[in-house]
Amino acid sequence: MGFDSVWHWLILLAIVLLVFGTKKIRNLGPDLGAAIRDFKKGLSGDDEAKQKDEEARRKEAEQLRADPPPADSTTKQGQRDSSETK
């Protein structure tokens, strides 16, 4: 009672066509290809995210070197106090 006969396969194909229709079966190939592409992209996406993070950190470090943050007013005040007591 296995699927050895061609008739079994033809009957199964007819049932599948009736259930899903030809349009869904026609779109099966491109949909499957897109799913595989997205899966591969997702696997390599971790590497891309790490590279983007590293680039952002480099840009931030370069900007800090170019524009150093202003000195705190508390450190200036502390220097003034210590120079006045001498």
PDB file of N, CA and C in Angstrom:
ATOM      1  N   MET A   1       0.818  -1.186   0.000  1.00  0.00           N
ATOM      2  CA  MET A   1       0.000   0.000   0.000  1.00  0.00           C
ATOM      3  C   MET A   1       0.870   1.261   0.000  1.00  0.00           C
ATOM      4  N   GLY A   2       2.138   1.140  -0.349  1.00  0.00           N
ATOM      5  CA  GLY A   2       3.017   2.299  -0.417  1.00  0.00           C
ATOM      6  C   GLY A   2       2.732   3.127  -1.652  1.00  0.00           C
ATOM      7  N   PHE A   3       3.527   4.167  -1.848  1.00  0.00           N
ATOM      8  CA  PHE A   3       3.378   5.043  -2.997  1.00  0.00           C
ATOM      9  C   PHE A   3       4.302   4.593  -4.116  1.00  0.00           C
ATOM     10  N   ASP A   4       4.182   3.334  -4.500  1.00  0.00           N
ATOM     11  CA  ASP A   4       5.015   2.776  -5.558  1.00  0.00           C
ATOM     12  C   ASP A   4       4.447   3.092  -6.940  1.00  0.00           C
ATOM     13  N   SER A   5       3.170   3.191  -7.030  1.00  0.00           N
ATOM     14  CA  SER A   5       2.506   3.338  -8.321  1.00  0.00           C
ATOM     15  C   SER A   5       2.435   4.805  -8.752  1.00  0.00           C
ATOM     16  N   VAL A   6       2.448   5.021 -10.040  1.00  0.00           N
ATOM     17  CA  VAL A   6       2.300   6.352 -10.598  1.00  0.00           C
ATOM     18  C   VAL A   6       0.910   6.887 -10.304  1.00  0.00           C
ATOM     19  N   TRP A   7      -0.074   6.014 -10.248  1.00  0.00           N
ATOM     20  CA  TRP A   7      -1.443   6.430  -9.982  1.00  0.00           C
ATOM     21  C   TRP A   7      -1.592   7.038  -8.596  1.00  0.00           C
ATOM     22  N   HIS A   8      -0.875   6.484  -7.632  1.00  0.00           N
ATOM     23  CA  HIS A   8      -0.921   7.056  -6.281  1.00  0.00           C
ATOM     24  C   HIS A   8      -0.399   8.498  -6.302  1.00  0.00           C
ATOM     25  N   TRP A   9       0.693   8.732  -6.998  1.00  0.00           N
ATOM     26  CA  TRP A   9       1.291  10.065  -7.083  1.00  0.00           C
ATOM     27  C   TRP A   9       0.384  11.040  -7.830  1.00  0.00           C
ATOM     28  N   LEU A  10      -0.278  10.561  -8.882  1.00  0.00           N
ATOM     29  CA  LEU A  10      -1.189  11.429  -9.630  1.00  0.00           C
ATOM     30  C   LEU A  10      -2.405  11.821  -8.795  1.00  0.00           C
ATOM     31  N   ILE A  11      -2.931  10.871  -8.050  1.00  0.00           N
ATOM     32  CA  ILE A  11      -4.061  11.166  -7.171  1.00  0.00           C
ATOM     33  C   ILE A  11      -3.649  12.156  -6.084  1.00  0.00           C
ATOM     34  N   LEU A  12      -2.473  11.962  -5.502  1.00  0.00           N
ATOM     35  CA  LEU A  12      -1.964  12.866  -4.473  1.00  0.00           C
ATOM     36  C   LEU A  12      -1.752  14.271  -5.051  1.00  0.00           C
ATOM     37  N   LEU A  13      -1.210  14.359  -6.253  1.00  0.00           N
ATOM     38  CA  LEU A  13      -1.011  15.646  -6.908  1.00  0.00           C
ATOM     39  C   LEU A  13      -2.355  16.342  -7.164  1.00  0.00           C
ATOM     40  N   ALA A  14      -3.356  15.600  -7.588  1.00  0.00           N
ATOM     41  CA  ALA A  14      -4.682  16.173  -7.834  1.00  0.00           C
ATOM     42  C   ALA A  14      -5.285  16.713  -6.540  1.00  0.00           C
ATOM     43  N   ILE A  15      -5.118  15.991  -5.443  1.00  0.00           N
ATOM     44  CA  ILE A  15      -5.648  16.447  -4.148  1.00  0.00           C
ATOM     45  C   ILE A  15      -4.933  17.721  -3.702  1.00  0.00           C
ATOM     46  N   VAL A  16      -3.612  17.756  -3.865  1.00  0.00           N
ATOM     47  CA  VAL A  16      -2.841  18.943  -3.479  1.00  0.00           C
ATOM     48  C   VAL A  16      -3.274  20.151  -4.303  1.00  0.00           C
ATOM     49  N   LEU A  17      -3.479  19.960  -5.596  1.00  0.00           N
ATOM     50  CA  LEU A  17      -3.936  21.055  -6.455  1.00  0.00           C
ATOM     51  C   LEU A  17      -5.308  21.563  -6.033  1.00  0.00           C
ATOM     52  N   LEU A  18      -6.191  20.646  -5.663  1.00  0.00           N
ATOM     53  CA  LEU A  18      -7.523  21.052  -5.229  1.00  0.00           C
ATOM     54  C   LEU A  18      -7.481  21.807  -3.900  1.00  0.00           C
ATOM     55  N   VAL A  19      -6.631  21.377  -3.014  1.00  0.00           N
ATOM     56  CA  VAL A  19      -6.575  22.003  -1.685  1.00  0.00           C
ATOM     57  C   VAL A  19      -5.910  23.375  -1.750  1.00  0.00           C
ATOM     58  N   PHE A  20      -4.736  23.442  -2.377  1.00  0.00           N
ATOM     59  CA  PHE A  20      -3.961  24.686  -2.353  1.00  0.00           C
ATOM     60  C   PHE A  20      -4.215  25.589  -3.562  1.00  0.00           C
ATOM     61  N   GLY A  21      -4.572  25.053  -4.666  1.00  0.00           N
ATOM     62  CA  GLY A  21      -4.772  25.853  -5.868  1.00  0.00           C
ATOM     63  C   GLY A  21      -3.449  26.086  -6.594  1.00  0.00           C
ATOM     64  N   THR A  22      -3.563  26.430  -7.866  1.00  0.00           N
ATOM     65  CA  THR A  22      -2.347  26.565  -8.681  1.00  0.00           C
ATOM     66  C   THR A  22      -1.577  27.840  -8.357  1.00  0.00           C
ATOM     67  N   LYS A  23      -2.255  28.885  -7.929  1.00  0.00           N
ATOM     68  CA  LYS A  23      -1.565  30.147  -7.650  1.00  0.00           C
ATOM     69  C   LYS A  23      -0.614  30.008  -6.467  1.00  0.00           C
ATOM     70  N   LYS A  24      -1.064  29.356  -5.409  1.00  0.00           N
ATOM     71  CA  LYS A  24      -0.199  29.170  -4.245  1.00  0.00           C
ATOM     72  C   LYS A  24       0.973  28.253  -4.572  1.00  0.00           C
ATOM     73  N   ILE A  25       0.725  27.245  -5.358  1.00  0.00           N
ATOM     74  CA  ILE A  25       1.809  26.331  -5.718  1.00  0.00           C
ATOM     75  C   ILE A  25       2.808  27.030  -6.636  1.00  0.00           C
ATOM     76  N   ARG A  26       2.319  27.899  -7.520  1.00  0.00           N
ATOM     77  CA  ARG A  26       3.190  28.646  -8.422  1.00  0.00           C
ATOM     78  C   ARG A  26       4.102  29.583  -7.629  1.00  0.00           C
ATOM     79  N   ASN A  27       3.599  30.167  -6.552  1.00  0.00           N
ATOM     80  CA  ASN A  27       4.380  31.101  -5.736  1.00  0.00           C
ATOM     81  C   ASN A  27       5.274  30.399  -4.720  1.00  0.00           C
ATOM     82  N   LEU A  28       5.196  29.106  -4.640  1.00  0.00           N
ATOM     83  CA  LEU A  28       5.963  28.356  -3.649  1.00  0.00           C
ATOM     84  C   LEU A  28       7.461  28.501  -3.871  1.00  0.00           C
ATOM     85  N   GLY A  29       7.914  28.422  -5.112  1.00  0.00           N
ATOM     86  CA  GLY A  29       9.351  28.514  -5.413  1.00  0.00           C
ATOM     87  C   GLY A  29       9.958  29.848  -5.017  1.00  0.00           C
ATOM     88  N   PRO A  30       9.414  30.964  -5.514  1.00  0.00           N
ATOM     89  CA  PRO A  30       9.983  32.263  -5.122  1.00  0.00           C
ATOM     90  C   PRO A  30       9.881  32.540  -3.626  1.00  0.00           C
ATOM     91  N   ASP A  31       8.792  32.116  -3.005  1.00  0.00           N
ATOM     92  CA  ASP A  31       8.648  32.324  -1.570  1.00  0.00           C
ATOM     93  C   ASP A  31       9.688  31.539  -0.787  1.00  0.00           C
ATOM     94  N   LEU A  32       9.930  30.318  -1.216  1.00  0.00           N
ATOM     95  CA  LEU A  32      10.934  29.496  -0.551  1.00  0.00           C
ATOM     96  C   LEU A  32      12.328  30.092  -0.751  1.00  0.00           C
ATOM     97  N   GLY A  33      12.608  30.572  -1.964  1.00  0.00           N
ATOM     98  CA  GLY A  33      13.906  31.203  -2.228  1.00  0.00           C
ATOM     99  C   GLY A  33      14.115  32.456  -1.388  1.00  0.00           C
ATOM    100  N   ALA A  34      13.076  33.273  -1.263  1.00  0.00           N
ATOM    101  CA  ALA A  34      13.173  34.485  -0.451  1.00  0.00           C
ATOM    102  C   ALA A  34      13.375  34.145   1.024  1.00  0.00           C
ATOM    103  N   ALA A  35      12.711  33.099   1.478  1.00  0.00           N
ATOM    104  CA  ALA A  35      12.868  32.686   2.875  1.00  0.00           C
ATOM    105  C   ALA A  35      14.294  32.233   3.151  1.00  0.00           C
ATOM    106  N   ILE A  36      14.868  31.482   2.238  1.00  0.00           N
ATOM    107  CA  ILE A  36      16.244  31.018   2.419  1.00  0.00           C
ATOM    108  C   ILE A  36      17.209  32.198   2.396  1.00  0.00           C
ATOM    109  N   ARG A  37      16.989  33.155   1.474  1.00  0.00           N
ATOM    110  CA  ARG A  37      17.842  34.348   1.401  1.00  0.00           C
ATOM    111  C   ARG A  37      17.775  35.146   2.699  1.00  0.00           C
ATOM    112  N   ASP A  38      16.571  35.347   3.227  1.00  0.00           N
ATOM    113  CA  ASP A  38      16.411  36.087   4.471  1.00  0.00           C
ATOM    114  C   ASP A  38      17.057  35.359   5.638  1.00  0.00           C
ATOM    115  N   PHE A  39      16.970  34.047   5.634  1.00  0.00           N
ATOM    116  CA  PHE A  39      17.600  33.264   6.697  1.00  0.00           C
ATOM    117  C   PHE A  39      19.112  33.440   6.663  1.00  0.00           C
ATOM    118  N   LYS A  40      19.703  33.371   5.477  1.00  0.00           N
ATOM    119  CA  LYS A  40      21.154  33.565   5.346  1.00  0.00           C
ATOM    120  C   LYS A  40      21.546  34.975   5.739  1.00  0.00           C
ATOM    121  N   LYS A  41      20.722  35.946   5.372  1.00  0.00           N
ATOM    122  CA  LYS A  41      20.986  37.336   5.731  1.00  0.00           C
ATOM    123  C   LYS A  41      20.930  37.513   7.244  1.00  0.00           C
ATOM    124  N   GLY A  42      19.990  36.834   7.879  1.00  0.00           N
ATOM    125  CA  GLY A  42      19.860  36.905   9.327  1.00  0.00           C
ATOM    126  C   GLY A  42      21.058  36.315  10.041  1.00  0.00           C
ATOM    127  N   LEU A  43      21.610  35.250   9.489  1.00  0.00           N
ATOM    128  CA  LEU A  43      22.790  34.649  10.095  1.00  0.00           C
ATOM    129  C   LEU A  43      23.998  35.564   9.984  1.00  0.00           C
ATOM    130  N   SER A  44      24.157  36.228   8.860  1.00  0.00           N
ATOM    131  CA  SER A  44      25.297  37.116   8.674  1.00  0.00           C
ATOM    132  C   SER A  44      25.004  38.507   9.215  1.00  0.00           C
ATOM    133  N   GLY A  45      23.781  38.770   9.620  1.00  0.00           N
ATOM    134  CA  GLY A  45      23.402  40.079  10.147  1.00  0.00           C
ATOM    135  C   GLY A  45      24.107  40.421  11.436  1.00  0.00           C
ATOM    136  N   ASP A  46      24.491  39.422  12.231  1.00  0.00           N
ATOM    137  CA  ASP A  46      25.208  39.676  13.471  1.00  0.00           C
ATOM    138  C   ASP A  46      26.541  40.341  13.182  1.00  0.00           C
ATOM    139  N   ASP A  47      27.233  39.883  12.140  1.00  0.00           N
ATOM    140  CA  ASP A  47      28.516  40.463  11.776  1.00  0.00           C
ATOM    141  C   ASP A  47      28.339  41.907  11.322  1.00  0.00           C
ATOM    142  N   GLU A  48      27.295  42.172  10.559  1.00  0.00           N
ATOM    143  CA  GLU A  48      27.045  43.522  10.081  1.00  0.00           C
ATOM    144  C   GLU A  48      26.708  44.450  11.242  1.00  0.00           C
ATOM    145  N   ALA A  49      25.950  43.974  12.201  1.00  0.00           N
ATOM    146  CA  ALA A  49      25.596  44.801  13.356  1.00  0.00           C
ATOM    147  C   ALA A  49      26.839  45.137  14.171  1.00  0.00           C
ATOM    148  N   LYS A  50      27.737  44.187  14.334  1.00  0.00           N
ATOM    149  CA  LYS A  50      28.978  44.443  15.063  1.00  0.00           C
ATOM    150  C   LYS A  50      29.825  45.478  14.342  1.00  0.00           C
ATOM    151  N   GLN A  51      29.902  45.389  13.024  1.00  0.00           N
ATOM    152  CA  GLN A  51      30.678  46.350  12.253  1.00  0.00           C
ATOM    153  C   GLN A  51      30.080  47.748  12.375  1.00  0.00           C
ATOM    154  N   LYS A  52      28.766  47.865  12.337  1.00  0.00           N
ATOM    155  CA  LYS A  52      28.115  49.170  12.472  1.00  0.00           C
ATOM    156  C   LYS A  52      28.380  49.763  13.851  1.00  0.00           C
ATOM    157  N   ASP A  53      28.342  48.918  14.899  1.00  0.00           N
ATOM    158  CA  ASP A  53      28.631  49.402  16.250  1.00  0.00           C
ATOM    159  C   ASP A  53      30.064  49.906  16.358  1.00  0.00           C
ATOM    160  N   GLU A  54      31.001  49.159  15.773  1.00  0.00           N
ATOM    161  CA  GLU A  54      32.402  49.573  15.820  1.00  0.00           C
ATOM    162  C   GLU A  54      32.606  50.889  15.078  1.00  0.00           C
ATOM    163  N   GLU A  55      31.958  51.058  13.918  1.00  0.00           N
ATOM    164  CA  GLU A  55      32.071  52.300  13.165  1.00  0.00           C
ATOM    165  C   GLU A  55      31.502  53.474  13.953  1.00  0.00           C
ATOM    166  N   ALA A  56      30.388  53.257  14.621  1.00  0.00           N
ATOM    167  CA  ALA A  56      29.786  54.324  15.419  1.00  0.00           C
ATOM    168  C   ALA A  56      30.705  54.716  16.571  1.00  0.00           C
ATOM    169  N   ARG A  57      31.330  53.745  17.205  1.00  0.00           N
ATOM    170  CA  ARG A  57      32.264  54.041  18.298  1.00  0.00           C
ATOM    171  C   ARG A  57      33.478  54.814  17.791  1.00  0.00           C
ATOM    172  N   ARG A  58      33.998  54.424  16.623  1.00  0.00           N
ATOM    173  CA  ARG A  58      35.140  55.139  16.049  1.00  0.00           C
ATOM    174  C   ARG A  58      34.781  56.589  15.744  1.00  0.00           C
ATOM    175  N   LYS A  59      33.610  56.804  15.135  1.00  0.00           N
ATOM    176  CA  LYS A  59      33.178  58.163  14.814  1.00  0.00           C
ATOM    177  C   LYS A  59      33.025  58.995  16.080  1.00  0.00           C
ATOM    178  N   GLU A  60      32.466  58.385  17.117  1.00  0.00           N
ATOM    179  CA  GLU A  60      32.284  59.099  18.378  1.00  0.00           C
ATOM    180  C   GLU A  60      33.625  59.461  18.997  1.00  0.00           C
ATOM    181  N   ALA A  61      34.584  58.540  18.946  1.00  0.00           N
ATOM    182  CA  ALA A  61      35.911  58.808  19.491  1.00  0.00           C
ATOM    183  C   ALA A  61      36.618  59.902  18.694  1.00  0.00           C
ATOM    184  N   GLU A  62      36.466  59.883  17.377  1.00  0.00           N
ATOM    185  CA  GLU A  62      37.079  60.923  16.543  1.00  0.00           C
ATOM    186  C   GLU A  62      36.481  62.286  16.848  1.00  0.00           C
ATOM    187  N   GLN A  63      35.188  62.340  17.074  1.00  0.00           N
ATOM    188  CA  GLN A  63      34.541  63.611  17.366  1.00  0.00           C
ATOM    189  C   GLN A  63      34.976  64.119  18.734  1.00  0.00           C
ATOM    190  N   LEU A  64      35.151  63.223  19.694  1.00  0.00           N
ATOM    191  CA  LEU A  64      35.608  63.654  21.014  1.00  0.00           C
ATOM    192  C   LEU A  64      37.026  64.199  20.941  1.00  0.00           C
ATOM    193  N   ARG A  65      37.869  63.593  20.095  1.00  0.00           N
ATOM    194  CA  ARG A  65      39.228  64.104  19.930  1.00  0.00           C
ATOM    195  C   ARG A  65      39.213  65.472  19.266  1.00  0.00           C
ATOM    196  N   ALA A  66      38.318  65.667  18.322  1.00  0.00           N
ATOM    197  CA  ALA A  66      38.240  66.938  17.610  1.00  0.00           C
ATOM    198  C   ALA A  66      37.630  68.030  18.487  1.00  0.00           C
ATOM    199  N   ASP A  67      36.611  67.712  19.242  1.00  0.00           N
ATOM    200  CA  ASP A  67      35.926  68.668  20.111  1.00  0.00           C
ATOM    201  C   ASP A  67      35.947  68.146  21.544  1.00  0.00           C
ATOM    202  N   PRO A  68      36.986  68.456  22.323  1.00  0.00           N
ATOM    203  CA  PRO A  68      37.012  67.947  23.703  1.00  0.00           C
ATOM    204  C   PRO A  68      35.896  68.588  24.524  1.00  0.00           C
ATOM    205  N   PRO A  69      35.354  67.869  25.472  1.00  0.00           N
ATOM    206  CA  PRO A  69      34.273  68.419  26.285  1.00  0.00           C
ATOM    207  C   PRO A  69      34.798  69.568  27.143  1.00  0.00           C
ATOM    208  N   PRO A  70      33.976  70.555  27.478  1.00  0.00           N
ATOM    209  CA  PRO A  70      34.422  71.686  28.297  1.00  0.00           C
ATOM    210  C   PRO A  70      34.751  71.216  29.710  1.00  0.00           C
ATOM    211  N   ALA A  71      35.691  71.907  30.332  1.00  0.00           N
ATOM    212  CA  ALA A  71      36.096  71.548  31.694  1.00  0.00           C
ATOM    213  C   ALA A  71      34.965  71.882  32.656  1.00  0.00           C
ATOM    214  N   ASP A  72      34.880  71.117  33.729  1.00  0.00           N
ATOM    215  CA  ASP A  72      33.849  71.371  34.741  1.00  0.00           C
ATOM    216  C   ASP A  72      34.152  72.660  35.489  1.00  0.00           C
ATOM    217  N   SER A  73      33.123  73.364  35.841  1.00  0.00           N
ATOM    218  CA  SER A  73      33.304  74.600  36.602  1.00  0.00           C
ATOM    219  C   SER A  73      33.748  74.284  38.021  1.00  0.00           C
ATOM    220  N   THR A  74      33.438  73.092  38.526  1.00  0.00           N
ATOM    221  CA  THR A  74      33.831  72.732  39.885  1.00  0.00           C
ATOM    222  C   THR A  74      35.340  72.571  39.984  1.00  0.00           C
ATOM    223  N   THR A  75      35.999  72.049  38.960  1.00  0.00           N
ATOM    224  CA  THR A  75      37.454  71.905  39.030  1.00  0.00           C
ATOM    225  C   THR A  75      38.124  73.267  38.961  1.00  0.00           C
ATOM    226  N   LYS A  76      37.583  74.193  38.187  1.00  0.00           N
ATOM    227  CA  LYS A  76      38.146  75.536  38.128  1.00  0.00           C
ATOM    228  C   LYS A  76      37.969  76.230  39.470  1.00  0.00           C
ATOM    229  N   GLN A  77      36.811  76.052  40.083  1.00  0.00           N
ATOM    230  CA  GLN A  77      36.547  76.679  41.372  1.00  0.00           C
ATOM    231  C   GLN A  77      37.502  76.116  42.423  1.00  0.00           C
ATOM    232  N   GLY A  78      37.742  74.828  42.376  1.00  0.00           N
ATOM    233  CA  GLY A  78      38.656  74.208  43.327  1.00  0.00           C
ATOM    234  C   GLY A  78      40.077  74.707  43.136  1.00  0.00           C
ATOM    235  N   GLN A  79      40.490  74.947  41.930  1.00  0.00           N
ATOM    236  CA  GLN A  79      41.829  75.479  41.670  1.00  0.00           C
ATOM    237  C   GLN A  79      41.939  76.905  42.184  1.00  0.00           C
ATOM    238  N   ARG A  80      40.876  77.699  42.040  1.00  0.00           N
ATOM    239  CA  ARG A  80      40.886  79.070  42.526  1.00  0.00           C
ATOM    240  C   ARG A  80      41.002  79.111  44.041  1.00  0.00           C
ATOM    241  N   ASP A  81      40.238  78.230  44.694  1.00  0.00           N
ATOM    242  CA  ASP A  81      40.268  78.203  46.157  1.00  0.00           C
ATOM    243  C   ASP A  81      41.647  77.843  46.672  1.00  0.00           C
ATOM    244  N   SER A  82      42.288  76.892  46.048  1.00  0.00           N
ATOM    245  CA  SER A  82      43.597  76.452  46.525  1.00  0.00           C
ATOM    246  C   SER A  82      44.664  77.527  46.258  1.00  0.00           C
ATOM    247  N   SER A  83      44.520  78.284  45.181  1.00  0.00           N
ATOM    248  CA  SER A  83      45.496  79.327  44.885  1.00  0.00           C
ATOM    249  C   SER A  83      45.287  80.539  45.802  1.00  0.00           C
ATOM    250  N   GLU A  84      44.076  80.770  46.270  1.00  0.00           N
ATOM    251  CA  GLU A  84      43.811  81.903  47.159  1.00  0.00           C
ATOM    252  C   GLU A  84      44.331  81.640  48.561  1.00  0.00           C
ATOM    253  N   THR A  85      44.369  80.396  48.986  1.00  0.00           N
ATOM    254  CA  THR A  85      44.800  80.096  50.358  1.00  0.00           C
ATOM    255  C   THR A  85      46.295  80.176  50.505  1.00  0.00           C
ATOM    256  N   LYS A  86      47.076  80.163  49.446  1.00  0.00           N
ATOM    257  CA  LYS A  86      48.537  80.212  49.554  1.00  0.00           C
ATOM    258  C   LYS A  86      49.015  81.546  49.819  1.00  0.00           C
TER     259      LYS A  86
END
